[in-house]
PDB file of N, CA and C in Angstrom:
ATOM      1  N   MET A   1      12.263 -14.662  22.630  1.00  0.00           N
ATOM      2  CA  MET A   1      11.342 -15.614  22.055  1.00  0.00           C
ATOM      3  C   MET A   1      11.864 -16.029  20.680  1.00  0.00           C
ATOM      4  N   GLU A   2      11.717 -17.298  20.373  1.00  0.00           N
ATOM      5  CA  GLU A   2      12.170 -17.821  19.089  1.00  0.00           C
ATOM      6  C   GLU A   2      11.006 -17.982  18.125  1.00  0.00           C
ATOM      7  N   LEU A   3      11.307 -17.915  16.853  1.00  0.00           N
ATOM      8  CA  LEU A   3      10.309 -18.151  15.822  1.00  0.00           C
ATOM      9  C   LEU A   3      10.203 -19.659  15.640  1.00  0.00           C
ATOM     10  N   THR A   4       9.332 -20.276  16.429  1.00  0.00           N
ATOM     11  CA  THR A   4       9.216 -21.734  16.450  1.00  0.00           C
ATOM     12  C   THR A   4       8.159 -22.222  15.476  1.00  0.00           C
ATOM     13  N   LYS A   5       8.061 -23.533  15.320  1.00  0.00           N
ATOM     14  CA  LYS A   5       7.083 -24.104  14.393  1.00  0.00           C
ATOM     15  C   LYS A   5       5.648 -23.838  14.838  1.00  0.00           C
ATOM     16  N   GLU A   6       5.431 -23.518  16.116  1.00  0.00           N
ATOM     17  CA  GLU A   6       4.099 -23.166  16.593  1.00  0.00           C
ATOM     18  C   GLU A   6       3.718 -21.742  16.187  1.00  0.00           C
ATOM     19  N   ILE A   7       4.689 -20.860  16.060  1.00  0.00           N
ATOM     20  CA  ILE A   7       4.447 -19.460  15.737  1.00  0.00           C
ATOM     21  C   ILE A   7       4.362 -19.236  14.231  1.00  0.00           C
ATOM     22  N   ILE A   8       5.119 -19.978  13.462  1.00  0.00           N
ATOM     23  CA  ILE A   8       5.158 -19.772  12.014  1.00  0.00           C
ATOM     24  C   ILE A   8       3.772 -19.822  11.369  1.00  0.00           C
ATOM     25  N   PRO A   9       2.862 -20.753  11.729  1.00  0.00           N
ATOM     26  CA  PRO A   9       1.526 -20.742  11.105  1.00  0.00           C
ATOM     27  C   PRO A   9       0.753 -19.450  11.343  1.00  0.00           C
ATOM     28  N   LEU A  10       0.908 -18.812  12.507  1.00  0.00           N
ATOM     29  CA  LEU A  10       0.263 -17.531  12.770  1.00  0.00           C
ATOM     30  C   LEU A  10       0.685 -16.506  11.729  1.00  0.00           C
ATOM     31  N   VAL A  11       1.964 -16.435  11.477  1.00  0.00           N
ATOM     32  CA  VAL A  11       2.486 -15.466  10.525  1.00  0.00           C
ATOM     33  C   VAL A  11       2.060 -15.833   9.109  1.00  0.00           C
ATOM     34  N   ILE A  12       2.218 -17.066   8.714  1.00  0.00           N
ATOM     35  CA  ILE A  12       1.935 -17.497   7.354  1.00  0.00           C
ATOM     36  C   ILE A  12       0.473 -17.294   6.976  1.00  0.00           C
ATOM     37  N   LYS A  13      -0.462 -17.595   7.862  1.00  0.00           N
ATOM     38  CA  LYS A  13      -1.883 -17.492   7.501  1.00  0.00           C
ATOM     39  C   LYS A  13      -2.327 -16.050   7.277  1.00  0.00           C
ATOM     40  N   GLU A  14      -1.616 -15.084   7.824  1.00  0.00           N
ATOM     41  CA  GLU A  14      -1.968 -13.678   7.653  1.00  0.00           C
ATOM     42  C   GLU A  14      -1.307 -13.028   6.439  1.00  0.00           C
ATOM     43  N   ILE A  15      -0.258 -13.634   5.915  1.00  0.00           N
ATOM     44  CA  ILE A  15       0.481 -13.054   4.799  1.00  0.00           C
ATOM     45  C   ILE A  15      -0.345 -13.173   3.522  1.00  0.00           C
ATOM     46  N   LYS A  16      -0.537 -12.039   2.855  1.00  0.00           N
ATOM     47  CA  LYS A  16      -1.346 -12.017   1.641  1.00  0.00           C
ATOM     48  C   LYS A  16      -0.512 -11.753   0.386  1.00  0.00           C
ATOM     49  N   GLY A  17       0.720 -11.325   0.556  1.00  0.00           N
ATOM     50  CA  GLY A  17       1.582 -10.992  -0.579  1.00  0.00           C
ATOM     51  C   GLY A  17       2.967 -11.558  -0.392  1.00  0.00           C
ATOM     52  N   ASP A  18       3.903 -10.974  -1.110  1.00  0.00           N
ATOM     53  CA  ASP A  18       5.310 -11.373  -0.995  1.00  0.00           C
ATOM     54  C   ASP A  18       5.955 -10.597   0.148  1.00  0.00           C
ATOM     55  N   ILE A  19       6.708 -11.286   0.980  1.00  0.00           N
ATOM     56  CA  ILE A  19       7.384 -10.641   2.099  1.00  0.00           C
ATOM     57  C   ILE A  19       8.592  -9.876   1.578  1.00  0.00           C
ATOM     58  N   ILE A  20       8.649  -8.590   1.932  1.00  0.00           N
ATOM     59  CA  ILE A  20       9.784  -7.744   1.542  1.00  0.00           C
ATOM     60  C   ILE A  20      10.784  -7.655   2.685  1.00  0.00           C
ATOM     61  N   HIS A  21      10.290  -7.332   3.888  1.00  0.00           N
ATOM     62  CA  HIS A  21      11.152  -7.183   5.063  1.00  0.00           C
ATOM     63  C   HIS A  21      10.482  -7.798   6.291  1.00  0.00           C
ATOM     64  N   VAL A  22      11.299  -8.316   7.184  1.00  0.00           N
ATOM     65  CA  VAL A  22      10.843  -8.830   8.478  1.00  0.00           C
ATOM     66  C   VAL A  22      11.835  -8.338   9.525  1.00  0.00           C
ATOM     67  N   VAL A  23      11.321  -7.877  10.669  1.00  0.00           N
ATOM     68  CA  VAL A  23      12.210  -7.405  11.734  1.00  0.00           C
ATOM     69  C   VAL A  23      11.609  -7.758  13.089  1.00  0.00           C
ATOM     70  N   TRP A  24      12.478  -8.147  14.028  1.00  0.00           N
ATOM     71  CA  TRP A  24      12.060  -8.427  15.405  1.00  0.00           C
ATOM     72  C   TRP A  24      11.935  -7.117  16.153  1.00  0.00           C
ATOM     73  N   SER A  25      10.988  -7.047  17.083  1.00  0.00           N
ATOM     74  CA  SER A  25      10.873  -5.884  17.970  1.00  0.00           C
ATOM     75  C   SER A  25      12.035  -5.908  18.955  1.00  0.00           C
ATOM     76  N   PRO A  26      12.373  -4.748  19.545  1.00  0.00           N
ATOM     77  CA  PRO A  26      13.463  -4.722  20.526  1.00  0.00           C
ATOM     78  C   PRO A  26      13.229  -5.670  21.704  1.00  0.00           C
ATOM     79  N   GLY A  27      11.979  -5.852  22.111  1.00  0.00           N
ATOM     80  CA  GLY A  27      11.677  -6.743  23.227  1.00  0.00           C
ATOM     81  C   GLY A  27      11.636  -8.208  22.843  1.00  0.00           C
ATOM     82  N   GLY A  28      11.627  -8.494  21.541  1.00  0.00           N
ATOM     83  CA  GLY A  28      11.650  -9.868  21.067  1.00  0.00           C
ATOM     84  C   GLY A  28      10.312 -10.592  21.129  1.00  0.00           C
ATOM     85  N   ASP A  29       9.228  -9.873  21.433  1.00  0.00           N
ATOM     86  CA  ASP A  29       7.927 -10.528  21.537  1.00  0.00           C
ATOM     87  C   ASP A  29       7.006 -10.234  20.358  1.00  0.00           C
ATOM     88  N   GLU A  30       7.545  -9.568  19.342  1.00  0.00           N
ATOM     89  CA  GLU A  30       6.738  -9.180  18.197  1.00  0.00           C
ATOM     90  C   GLU A  30       7.633  -9.112  16.967  1.00  0.00           C
ATOM     91  N   ILE A  31       7.057  -9.384  15.798  1.00  0.00           N
ATOM     92  CA  ILE A  31       7.769  -9.154  14.558  1.00  0.00           C
ATOM     93  C   ILE A  31       6.907  -8.257  13.681  1.00  0.00           C
ATOM     94  N   ALA A  32       7.561  -7.468  12.844  1.00  0.00           N
ATOM     95  CA  ALA A  32       6.869  -6.634  11.868  1.00  0.00           C
ATOM     96  C   ALA A  32       7.246  -7.158  10.488  1.00  0.00           C
ATOM     97  N   VAL A  33       6.254  -7.189   9.608  1.00  0.00           N
ATOM     98  CA  VAL A  33       6.451  -7.703   8.256  1.00  0.00           C
ATOM     99  C   VAL A  33       5.945  -6.660   7.272  1.00  0.00           C
ATOM    100  N   GLU A  34       6.747  -6.359   6.257  1.00  0.00           N
ATOM    101  CA  GLU A  34       6.304  -5.516   5.149  1.00  0.00           C
ATOM    102  C   GLU A  34       6.051  -6.433   3.965  1.00  0.00           C
ATOM    103  N   GLU A  35       4.851  -6.324   3.385  1.00  0.00           N
ATOM    104  CA  GLU A  35       4.465  -7.183   2.269  1.00  0.00           C
ATOM    105  C   GLU A  35       4.247  -6.366   0.999  1.00  0.00           C
ATOM    106  N   ASP A  36       4.538  -6.977  -0.128  1.00  0.00           N
ATOM    107  CA  ASP A  36       4.234  -6.428  -1.443  1.00  0.00           C
ATOM    108  C   ASP A  36       2.981  -7.135  -1.932  1.00  0.00           C
ATOM    109  N   LEU A  37       1.878  -6.385  -2.075  1.00  0.00           N
ATOM    110  CA  LEU A  37       0.606  -6.963  -2.508  1.00  0.00           C
ATOM    111  C   LEU A  37       0.428  -6.897  -4.019  1.00  0.00           C
ATOM    112  N   GLY A  38       1.419  -6.379  -4.731  1.00  0.00           N
ATOM    113  CA  GLY A  38       1.343  -6.240  -6.182  1.00  0.00           C
ATOM    114  C   GLY A  38       0.804  -4.870  -6.566  1.00  0.00           C
ATOM    115  N   GLY A  39       1.146  -4.430  -7.754  1.00  0.00           N
ATOM    116  CA  GLY A  39       0.672  -3.132  -8.224  1.00  0.00           C
ATOM    117  C   GLY A  39       1.118  -1.966  -7.357  1.00  0.00           C
ATOM    118  N   PHE A  40       2.306  -2.041  -6.795  1.00  0.00           N
ATOM    119  CA  PHE A  40       2.898  -1.022  -5.926  1.00  0.00           C
ATOM    120  C   PHE A  40       2.176  -0.893  -4.581  1.00  0.00           C
ATOM    121  N   ARG A  41       1.264  -1.804  -4.266  1.00  0.00           N
ATOM    122  CA  ARG A  41       0.559  -1.779  -2.984  1.00  0.00           C
ATOM    123  C   ARG A  41       1.379  -2.517  -1.938  1.00  0.00           C
ATOM    124  N   ARG A  42       1.509  -1.896  -0.772  1.00  0.00           N
ATOM    125  CA  ARG A  42       2.286  -2.473   0.332  1.00  0.00           C
ATOM    126  C   ARG A  42       1.450  -2.449   1.610  1.00  0.00           C
ATOM    127  N   VAL A  43       1.798  -3.309   2.548  1.00  0.00           N
ATOM    128  CA  VAL A  43       1.174  -3.315   3.871  1.00  0.00           C
ATOM    129  C   VAL A  43       2.243  -3.660   4.907  1.00  0.00           C
ATOM    130  N   ILE A  44       2.160  -3.012   6.063  1.00  0.00           N
ATOM    131  CA  ILE A  44       3.016  -3.352   7.202  1.00  0.00           C
ATOM    132  C   ILE A  44       2.103  -3.920   8.277  1.00  0.00           C
ATOM    133  N   ARG A  45       2.479  -5.074   8.790  1.00  0.00           N
ATOM    134  CA  ARG A  45       1.665  -5.788   9.762  1.00  0.00           C
ATOM    135  C   ARG A  45       2.585  -6.268  10.890  1.00  0.00           C
ATOM    136  N   THR A  46       2.079  -6.244  12.120  1.00  0.00           N
ATOM    137  CA  THR A  46       2.844  -6.776  13.251  1.00  0.00           C
ATOM    138  C   THR A  46       2.191  -8.057  13.746  1.00  0.00           C
ATOM    139  N   PHE A  47       3.017  -8.925  14.298  1.00  0.00           N
ATOM    140  CA  PHE A  47       2.569 -10.193  14.867  1.00  0.00           C
ATOM    141  C   PHE A  47       3.074 -10.278  16.289  1.00  0.00           C
ATOM    142  N   ASN A  48       2.139 -10.288  17.240  1.00  0.00           N
ATOM    143  CA  ASN A  48       2.489 -10.415  18.646  1.00  0.00           C
ATOM    144  C   ASN A  48       2.654 -11.907  18.933  1.00  0.00           C
ATOM    145  N   LEU A  49       3.835 -12.301  19.324  1.00  0.00           N
ATOM    146  CA  LEU A  49       4.140 -13.721  19.487  1.00  0.00           C
ATOM    147  C   LEU A  49       3.740 -14.281  20.848  1.00  0.00           C
ATOM    148  N   THR A  50       3.407 -13.407  21.794  1.00  0.00           N
ATOM    149  CA  THR A  50       2.996 -13.909  23.107  1.00  0.00           C
ATOM    150  C   THR A  50       1.515 -14.254  23.163  1.00  0.00           C
ATOM    151  N   ASP A  51       0.673 -13.490  22.448  1.00  0.00           N
ATOM    152  CA  ASP A  51      -0.761 -13.795  22.470  1.00  0.00           C
ATOM    153  C   ASP A  51      -1.323 -14.179  21.099  1.00  0.00           C
ATOM    154  N   SER A  52      -0.447 -14.415  20.137  1.00  0.00           N
ATOM    155  CA  SER A  52      -0.825 -14.904  18.801  1.00  0.00           C
ATOM    156  C   SER A  52      -1.819 -13.995  18.074  1.00  0.00           C
ATOM    157  N   THR A  53      -1.615 -12.682  18.181  1.00  0.00           N
ATOM    158  CA  THR A  53      -2.469 -11.746  17.451  1.00  0.00           C
ATOM    159  C   THR A  53      -1.652 -11.003  16.404  1.00  0.00           C
ATOM    160  N   SER A  54      -2.354 -10.488  15.404  1.00  0.00           N
ATOM    161  CA  SER A  54      -1.697  -9.667  14.391  1.00  0.00           C
ATOM    162  C   SER A  54      -2.452  -8.360  14.246  1.00  0.00           C
ATOM    163  N   LYS A  55      -1.765  -7.344  13.742  1.00  0.00           N
ATOM    164  CA  LYS A  55      -2.372  -6.024  13.575  1.00  0.00           C
ATOM    165  C   LYS A  55      -1.811  -5.385  12.313  1.00  0.00           C
ATOM    166  N   GLU A  56      -2.711  -4.897  11.463  1.00  0.00           N
ATOM    167  CA  GLU A  56      -2.281  -4.173  10.274  1.00  0.00           C
ATOM    168  C   GLU A  56      -1.978  -2.743  10.697  1.00  0.00           C
ATOM    169  N   ILE A  57      -0.755  -2.287  10.427  1.00  0.00           N
ATOM    170  CA  ILE A  57      -0.342  -0.957  10.838  1.00  0.00           C
ATOM    171  C   ILE A  57      -0.587   0.062   9.733  1.00  0.00           C
ATOM    172  N   ALA A  58      -0.256  -0.290   8.494  1.00  0.00           N
ATOM    173  CA  ALA A  58      -0.400   0.678   7.403  1.00  0.00           C
ATOM    174  C   ALA A  58      -0.537  -0.035   6.065  1.00  0.00           C
ATOM    175  N   LYS A  59      -1.365   0.553   5.209  1.00  0.00           N
ATOM    176  CA  LYS A  59      -1.429   0.171   3.803  1.00  0.00           C
ATOM    177  C   LYS A  59      -1.042   1.405   3.014  1.00  0.00           C
ATOM    178  N   TYR A  60      -0.242   1.234   1.982  1.00  0.00           N
ATOM    179  CA  TYR A  60       0.201   2.385   1.205  1.00  0.00           C
ATOM    180  C   TYR A  60       0.614   1.942  -0.185  1.00  0.00           C
ATOM    181  N   THR A  61       0.781   2.913  -1.061  1.00  0.00           N
ATOM    182  CA  THR A  61       1.257   2.661  -2.418  1.00  0.00           C
ATOM    183  C   THR A  61       2.645   3.270  -2.525  1.00  0.00           C
ATOM    184  N   CYS A  62       3.572   2.510  -3.053  1.00  0.00           N
ATOM    185  CA  CYS A  62       4.962   2.959  -3.090  1.00  0.00           C
ATOM    186  C   CYS A  62       5.672   2.337  -4.278  1.00  0.00           C
ATOM    187  N   MET A  63       6.282   3.175  -5.093  1.00  0.00           N
ATOM    188  CA  MET A  63       7.020   2.664  -6.248  1.00  0.00           C
ATOM    189  C   MET A  63       8.477   2.366  -5.904  1.00  0.00           C
ATOM    190  N   ALA A  64       8.984   2.964  -4.828  1.00  0.00           N
ATOM    191  CA  ALA A  64      10.386   2.759  -4.431  1.00  0.00           C
ATOM    192  C   ALA A  64      10.507   1.535  -3.543  1.00  0.00           C
ATOM    193  N   ARG A  65      11.643   0.875  -3.610  1.00  0.00           N
ATOM    194  CA  ARG A  65      11.953  -0.221  -2.694  1.00  0.00           C
ATOM    195  C   ARG A  65      12.707   0.385  -1.529  1.00  0.00           C
ATOM    196  N   TRP A  66      12.185   0.229  -0.312  1.00  0.00           N
ATOM    197  CA  TRP A  66      12.805   0.819   0.869  1.00  0.00           C
ATOM    198  C   TRP A  66      13.927  -0.072   1.379  1.00  0.00           C
ATOM    199  N   GLY A  67      14.842   0.541   2.144  1.00  0.00           N
ATOM    200  CA  GLY A  67      16.013  -0.159   2.629  1.00  0.00           C
ATOM    201  C   GLY A  67      15.747  -1.182   3.699  1.00  0.00           C
ATOM    202  N   GLY A  68      14.622  -1.095   4.363  1.00  0.00           N
ATOM    203  CA  GLY A  68      14.323  -2.046   5.419  1.00  0.00           C
ATOM    204  C   GLY A  68      13.162  -1.587   6.262  1.00  0.00           C
ATOM    205  N   LEU A  69      12.953  -2.292   7.332  1.00  0.00           N
ATOM    206  CA  LEU A  69      11.872  -2.000   8.269  1.00  0.00           C
ATOM    207  C   LEU A  69      12.487  -1.980   9.653  1.00  0.00           C
ATOM    208  N   ASP A  70      12.181  -0.954  10.438  1.00  0.00           N
ATOM    209  CA  ASP A  70      12.755  -0.795  11.773  1.00  0.00           C
ATOM    210  C   ASP A  70      11.655  -0.510  12.780  1.00  0.00           C
ATOM    211  N   TYR A  71      11.949  -0.723  14.036  1.00  0.00           N
ATOM    212  CA  TYR A  71      11.085  -0.264  15.122  1.00  0.00           C
ATOM    213  C   TYR A  71      11.616   1.075  15.598  1.00  0.00           C
ATOM    214  N   SER A  72      10.730   1.914  16.148  1.00  0.00           N
ATOM    215  CA  SER A  72      11.177   3.173  16.731  1.00  0.00           C
ATOM    216  C   SER A  72      12.090   2.857  17.910  1.00  0.00           C
ATOM    217  N   PRO A  73      12.932   3.813  18.318  1.00  0.00           N
ATOM    218  CA  PRO A  73      13.878   3.538  19.416  1.00  0.00           C
ATOM    219  C   PRO A  73      13.221   3.010  20.697  1.00  0.00           C
ATOM    220  N   ASP A  74      11.984   3.435  20.980  1.00  0.00           N
ATOM    221  CA  ASP A  74      11.325   2.941  22.191  1.00  0.00           C
ATOM    222  C   ASP A  74      10.615   1.612  21.961  1.00  0.00           C
ATOM    223  N   GLY A  75      10.654   1.098  20.730  1.00  0.00           N
ATOM    224  CA  GLY A  75      10.073  -0.201  20.430  1.00  0.00           C
ATOM    225  C   GLY A  75       8.572  -0.194  20.250  1.00  0.00           C
ATOM    226  N   SER A  76       7.958   0.994  20.205  1.00  0.00           N
ATOM    227  CA  SER A  76       6.497   1.046  20.164  1.00  0.00           C
ATOM    228  C   SER A  76       5.903   0.936  18.765  1.00  0.00           C
ATOM    229  N   THR A  77       6.629   1.322  17.741  1.00  0.00           N
ATOM    230  CA  THR A  77       6.068   1.281  16.388  1.00  0.00           C
ATOM    231  C   THR A  77       7.088   0.825  15.365  1.00  0.00           C
ATOM    232  N   GLY A  78       6.582   0.200  14.309  1.00  0.00           N
ATOM    233  CA  GLY A  78       7.427  -0.153  13.175  1.00  0.00           C
ATOM    234  C   GLY A  78       7.466   1.010  12.211  1.00  0.00           C
ATOM    235  N   ARG A  79       8.535   1.092  11.429  1.00  0.00           N
ATOM    236  CA  ARG A  79       8.648   2.153  10.440  1.00  0.00           C
ATOM    237  C   ARG A  79       9.555   1.683   9.316  1.00  0.00           C
ATOM    238  N   ARG A  80       9.437   2.327   8.175  1.00  0.00           N
ATOM    239  CA  ARG A  80      10.291   1.989   7.044  1.00  0.00           C
ATOM    240  C   ARG A  80      11.613   2.735   7.172  1.00  0.00           C
ATOM    241  N   SER A  81      12.667   2.114   6.691  1.00  0.00           N
ATOM    242  CA  SER A  81      13.976   2.764   6.657  1.00  0.00           C
ATOM    243  C   SER A  81      14.101   3.572   5.379  1.00  0.00           C
ATOM    244  N   SER A  82      15.234   4.196   5.190  1.00  0.00           N
ATOM    245  CA  SER A  82      15.462   5.001   3.985  1.00  0.00           C
ATOM    246  C   SER A  82      15.401   4.126   2.736  1.00  0.00           C
ATOM    247  N   PRO A  83      15.033   4.733   1.611  1.00  0.00           N
ATOM    248  CA  PRO A  83      14.900   3.945   0.383  1.00  0.00           C
ATOM    249  C   PRO A  83      16.240   3.471  -0.163  1.00  0.00           C
ATOM    250  N   ASP A  84      16.184   2.356  -0.875  1.00  0.00           N
ATOM    251  CA  ASP A  84      17.353   1.911  -1.629  1.00  0.00           C
ATOM    252  C   ASP A  84      17.498   2.842  -2.808  1.00  0.00           C
ATOM    253  N   LEU A  85      18.685   3.307  -3.068  1.00  0.00           N
ATOM    254  CA  LEU A  85      18.910   4.209  -4.209  1.00  0.00           C
ATOM    255  C   LEU A  85      19.739   3.536  -5.262  1.00  0.00           C
TER     256      LEU A  85
END
């Protein structure tokens, strides 16, 4: 699945902060986005591109900048990569 002009509004309307990382799921039907909400507050959210839904996975406070965002090997969950040092 491609990130087309029909899908972009779904993602944009849900974004509340600055995008730090974006990653496609292994199956290509979902993307995960890590956002910086300011004040060290972060959120990870997924966007299902087949049914146009989004889901907040985690909110957390973090002073470190992480190296990226990955899906688990089975593609079921998003996770943060190791921190940038």
